[in-house]
Amino acid sequence: MRYLPILLAGLLSACASTTPNWDARFGIDTRMVLTQQIMNPGAARNTDPVSGMDGRSARTAYERYQKASVEQQQAATTSGAK
């Protein structure tokens, strides 16, 4: 009987609507992409590489990222097993 208020509070919170939070941002990404296409309709024909990082640096950074991910997974799986 003493758990009844907790149970009722849980049931009432489950009925609360989160839809207004989702509806407030609905379609923002689509509108942003449409606006970018209107601003620069020829962007798909741009053959220039992305500026800011050369290929060698990008590859090294990607390999370091992959290595760190594997090491992190191995540490997580071996540290918890006893």
N, C-alpha and C. Protein backbone atom coordinates (compact mmCIF):
# COMPACT_ATOMS: atom_id res chain seq x y z
N MET A 1 0.81 -1.21 0.00
CA MET A 1 0.00 0.00 0.00
C MET A 1 0.85 1.27 0.00
N ARG A 2 2.01 1.19 0.63
CA ARG A 2 2.81 2.41 0.68
C ARG A 2 3.48 2.70 -0.65
N TYR A 3 3.52 1.73 -1.56
CA TYR A 3 4.10 1.95 -2.88
C TYR A 3 3.08 2.48 -3.88
N LEU A 4 1.84 2.55 -3.49
CA LEU A 4 0.77 3.01 -4.38
C LEU A 4 1.00 4.44 -4.88
N PRO A 5 1.37 5.40 -4.03
CA PRO A 5 1.62 6.76 -4.55
C PRO A 5 2.77 6.81 -5.56
N ILE A 6 3.80 6.00 -5.32
CA ILE A 6 4.93 5.96 -6.26
C ILE A 6 4.48 5.36 -7.58
N LEU A 7 3.69 4.32 -7.52
CA LEU A 7 3.18 3.68 -8.73
C LEU A 7 2.30 4.64 -9.51
N LEU A 8 1.42 5.35 -8.82
CA LEU A 8 0.54 6.31 -9.49
C LEU A 8 1.33 7.46 -10.11
N ALA A 9 2.36 7.93 -9.41
CA ALA A 9 3.19 9.00 -9.96
C ALA A 9 3.91 8.53 -11.21
N GLY A 10 4.37 7.28 -11.20
CA GLY A 10 5.03 6.72 -12.38
C GLY A 10 4.08 6.60 -13.55
N LEU A 11 2.87 6.16 -13.29
CA LEU A 11 1.88 6.04 -14.36
C LEU A 11 1.50 7.39 -14.94
N LEU A 12 1.35 8.39 -14.07
CA LEU A 12 1.00 9.72 -14.56
C LEU A 12 2.13 10.35 -15.36
N SER A 13 3.38 10.11 -14.95
CA SER A 13 4.50 10.68 -15.70
C SER A 13 4.64 10.00 -17.06
N ALA A 14 4.23 8.73 -17.15
CA ALA A 14 4.28 8.03 -18.44
C ALA A 14 3.26 8.59 -19.41
N CYS A 15 2.20 9.18 -18.89
CA CYS A 15 1.17 9.76 -19.75
C CYS A 15 1.51 11.17 -20.21
N ALA A 16 2.54 11.77 -19.65
CA ALA A 16 2.91 13.14 -20.02
C ALA A 16 3.36 13.16 -21.47
N SER A 17 3.01 14.18 -22.15
CA SER A 17 3.31 14.29 -23.58
C SER A 17 4.65 15.00 -23.80
N THR A 18 5.51 14.37 -24.60
CA THR A 18 6.77 15.00 -25.00
C THR A 18 6.67 15.53 -26.42
N THR A 19 5.53 15.37 -27.04
CA THR A 19 5.36 15.78 -28.42
C THR A 19 5.60 17.26 -28.66
N PRO A 20 5.17 18.18 -27.80
CA PRO A 20 5.46 19.59 -28.08
C PRO A 20 6.95 19.88 -28.21
N ASN A 21 7.78 19.18 -27.45
CA ASN A 21 9.23 19.38 -27.57
C ASN A 21 9.71 18.92 -28.94
N TRP A 22 9.20 17.80 -29.42
CA TRP A 22 9.61 17.30 -30.73
C TRP A 22 9.02 18.15 -31.84
N ASP A 23 7.77 18.57 -31.69
CA ASP A 23 7.12 19.35 -32.73
C ASP A 23 7.77 20.71 -32.92
N ALA A 24 8.36 21.25 -31.88
CA ALA A 24 8.97 22.58 -31.98
C ALA A 24 10.14 22.57 -32.95
N ARG A 25 10.84 21.44 -33.10
CA ARG A 25 12.01 21.37 -33.98
C ARG A 25 11.73 20.57 -35.26
N PHE A 26 10.51 20.18 -35.49
CA PHE A 26 10.18 19.34 -36.64
C PHE A 26 10.46 20.07 -37.95
N GLY A 27 11.26 19.47 -38.81
CA GLY A 27 11.51 20.01 -40.13
C GLY A 27 12.61 21.05 -40.22
N ILE A 28 13.29 21.34 -39.14
CA ILE A 28 14.34 22.37 -39.17
C ILE A 28 15.46 21.96 -40.12
N ASP A 29 15.91 20.70 -40.06
CA ASP A 29 17.00 20.25 -40.91
C ASP A 29 16.61 20.30 -42.39
N THR A 30 15.38 19.91 -42.68
CA THR A 30 14.92 19.95 -44.07
C THR A 30 14.88 21.37 -44.59
N ARG A 31 14.38 22.30 -43.79
CA ARG A 31 14.34 23.70 -44.21
C ARG A 31 15.74 24.28 -44.37
N MET A 32 16.69 23.85 -43.52
CA MET A 32 18.05 24.34 -43.63
C MET A 32 18.70 23.86 -44.93
N VAL A 33 18.53 22.58 -45.28
CA VAL A 33 19.09 22.05 -46.51
C VAL A 33 18.47 22.73 -47.72
N LEU A 34 17.17 22.95 -47.70
CA LEU A 34 16.51 23.64 -48.80
C LEU A 34 17.07 25.05 -48.98
N THR A 35 17.28 25.75 -47.88
CA THR A 35 17.84 27.10 -47.94
C THR A 35 19.25 27.08 -48.51
N GLN A 36 20.06 26.10 -48.12
CA GLN A 36 21.42 26.00 -48.64
C GLN A 36 21.41 25.70 -50.14
N GLN A 37 20.47 24.89 -50.59
CA GLN A 37 20.38 24.60 -52.01
C GLN A 37 19.95 25.83 -52.80
N ILE A 38 19.10 26.65 -52.22
CA ILE A 38 18.67 27.87 -52.90
C ILE A 38 19.82 28.87 -52.97
N MET A 39 20.61 28.97 -51.88
CA MET A 39 21.72 29.91 -51.84
C MET A 39 22.82 29.53 -52.83
N ASN A 40 23.11 28.23 -53.00
CA ASN A 40 24.17 27.79 -53.89
C ASN A 40 23.72 26.55 -54.66
N PRO A 41 22.95 26.73 -55.73
CA PRO A 41 22.43 25.56 -56.45
C PRO A 41 23.51 24.77 -57.18
N GLY A 42 24.67 25.35 -57.44
CA GLY A 42 25.74 24.65 -58.15
C GLY A 42 26.76 23.99 -57.24
N ALA A 43 26.47 23.83 -55.98
CA ALA A 43 27.43 23.26 -55.03
C ALA A 43 27.82 21.84 -55.37
N ALA A 44 26.94 21.08 -55.98
CA ALA A 44 27.24 19.68 -56.31
C ALA A 44 28.29 19.58 -57.40
N ARG A 45 28.44 20.61 -58.22
CA ARG A 45 29.42 20.59 -59.31
C ARG A 45 30.80 21.08 -58.87
N ASN A 46 30.97 21.45 -57.61
CA ASN A 46 32.24 21.94 -57.09
C ASN A 46 33.20 20.76 -56.93
N THR A 47 34.30 20.77 -57.67
CA THR A 47 35.26 19.66 -57.61
C THR A 47 36.48 19.97 -56.75
N ASP A 48 36.51 21.14 -56.12
CA ASP A 48 37.62 21.49 -55.24
C ASP A 48 37.56 20.65 -53.97
N PRO A 49 38.73 20.20 -53.50
CA PRO A 49 38.72 19.46 -52.24
C PRO A 49 38.39 20.37 -51.06
N VAL A 50 37.99 19.76 -49.99
CA VAL A 50 37.67 20.52 -48.79
C VAL A 50 38.95 21.16 -48.27
N SER A 51 38.91 22.42 -47.97
CA SER A 51 40.11 23.09 -47.49
C SER A 51 40.27 22.89 -45.99
N GLY A 52 41.50 22.92 -45.54
CA GLY A 52 41.75 22.84 -44.12
C GLY A 52 42.59 21.65 -43.70
N MET A 53 42.59 20.55 -44.46
CA MET A 53 43.38 19.39 -44.07
C MET A 53 43.79 18.62 -45.32
N ASP A 54 45.10 18.32 -45.41
CA ASP A 54 45.57 17.55 -46.56
C ASP A 54 45.28 16.07 -46.34
N GLY A 55 45.42 15.28 -47.35
CA GLY A 55 45.06 13.87 -47.29
C GLY A 55 45.87 13.07 -46.28
N ARG A 56 47.18 13.33 -46.20
CA ARG A 56 48.03 12.59 -45.27
C ARG A 56 47.61 12.84 -43.81
N SER A 57 47.36 14.09 -43.49
CA SER A 57 46.94 14.43 -42.12
C SER A 57 45.57 13.82 -41.81
N ALA A 58 44.67 13.87 -42.77
CA ALA A 58 43.34 13.31 -42.56
C ALA A 58 43.42 11.80 -42.33
N ARG A 59 44.24 11.12 -43.11
CA ARG A 59 44.38 9.67 -42.95
C ARG A 59 44.97 9.33 -41.59
N THR A 60 46.00 10.05 -41.17
CA THR A 60 46.61 9.81 -39.87
C THR A 60 45.62 10.03 -38.74
N ALA A 61 44.85 11.10 -38.83
CA ALA A 61 43.85 11.38 -37.80
C ALA A 61 42.80 10.29 -37.76
N TYR A 62 42.37 9.82 -38.92
CA TYR A 62 41.36 8.76 -38.98
C TYR A 62 41.90 7.45 -38.40
N GLU A 63 43.15 7.11 -38.72
CA GLU A 63 43.74 5.88 -38.19
C GLU A 63 43.89 5.96 -36.67
N ARG A 64 44.27 7.13 -36.15
CA ARG A 64 44.36 7.30 -34.70
C ARG A 64 42.99 7.15 -34.05
N TYR A 65 41.98 7.70 -34.70
CA TYR A 65 40.61 7.59 -34.19
C TYR A 65 40.17 6.12 -34.14
N GLN A 66 40.45 5.37 -35.20
CA GLN A 66 40.08 3.95 -35.24
C GLN A 66 40.82 3.16 -34.17
N LYS A 67 42.11 3.44 -34.00
CA LYS A 67 42.92 2.73 -33.01
C LYS A 67 42.41 3.02 -31.60
N ALA A 68 42.09 4.26 -31.32
CA ALA A 68 41.58 4.62 -29.99
C ALA A 68 40.24 3.96 -29.72
N SER A 69 39.42 3.84 -30.74
CA SER A 69 38.11 3.20 -30.57
C SER A 69 38.27 1.73 -30.22
N VAL A 70 39.18 1.04 -30.90
CA VAL A 70 39.41 -0.38 -30.64
C VAL A 70 39.99 -0.56 -29.24
N GLU A 71 40.96 0.28 -28.86
CA GLU A 71 41.56 0.18 -27.53
C GLU A 71 40.52 0.44 -26.44
N GLN A 72 39.66 1.38 -26.68
CA GLN A 72 38.62 1.70 -25.69
C GLN A 72 37.65 0.53 -25.53
N GLN A 73 37.29 -0.11 -26.64
CA GLN A 73 36.39 -1.26 -26.57
C GLN A 73 37.04 -2.41 -25.83
N GLN A 74 38.32 -2.66 -26.10
CA GLN A 74 39.02 -3.75 -25.44
C GLN A 74 39.16 -3.49 -23.94
N ALA A 75 39.42 -2.25 -23.58
CA ALA A 75 39.55 -1.91 -22.16
C ALA A 75 38.21 -2.08 -21.45
N ALA A 76 37.14 -1.72 -22.13
CA ALA A 76 35.81 -1.85 -21.51
C ALA A 76 35.42 -3.31 -21.32
N THR A 77 35.77 -4.16 -22.27
CA THR A 77 35.37 -5.57 -22.16
C THR A 77 36.27 -6.35 -21.22
N THR A 78 37.55 -5.98 -21.10
CA THR A 78 38.45 -6.76 -20.23
C THR A 78 38.43 -6.26 -18.79
N SER A 79 38.12 -4.99 -18.57
CA SER A 79 38.16 -4.47 -17.20
C SER A 79 36.97 -4.95 -16.38
N GLY A 80 35.86 -5.23 -17.01
CA GLY A 80 34.67 -5.63 -16.27
C GLY A 80 34.57 -7.14 -16.03
N ALA A 81 35.35 -7.93 -16.75
CA ALA A 81 35.25 -9.39 -16.65
C ALA A 81 36.11 -9.89 -15.51
N LYS A 82 35.49 -10.59 -14.56
CA LYS A 82 36.23 -11.23 -13.46
C LYS A 82 35.64 -12.57 -13.17
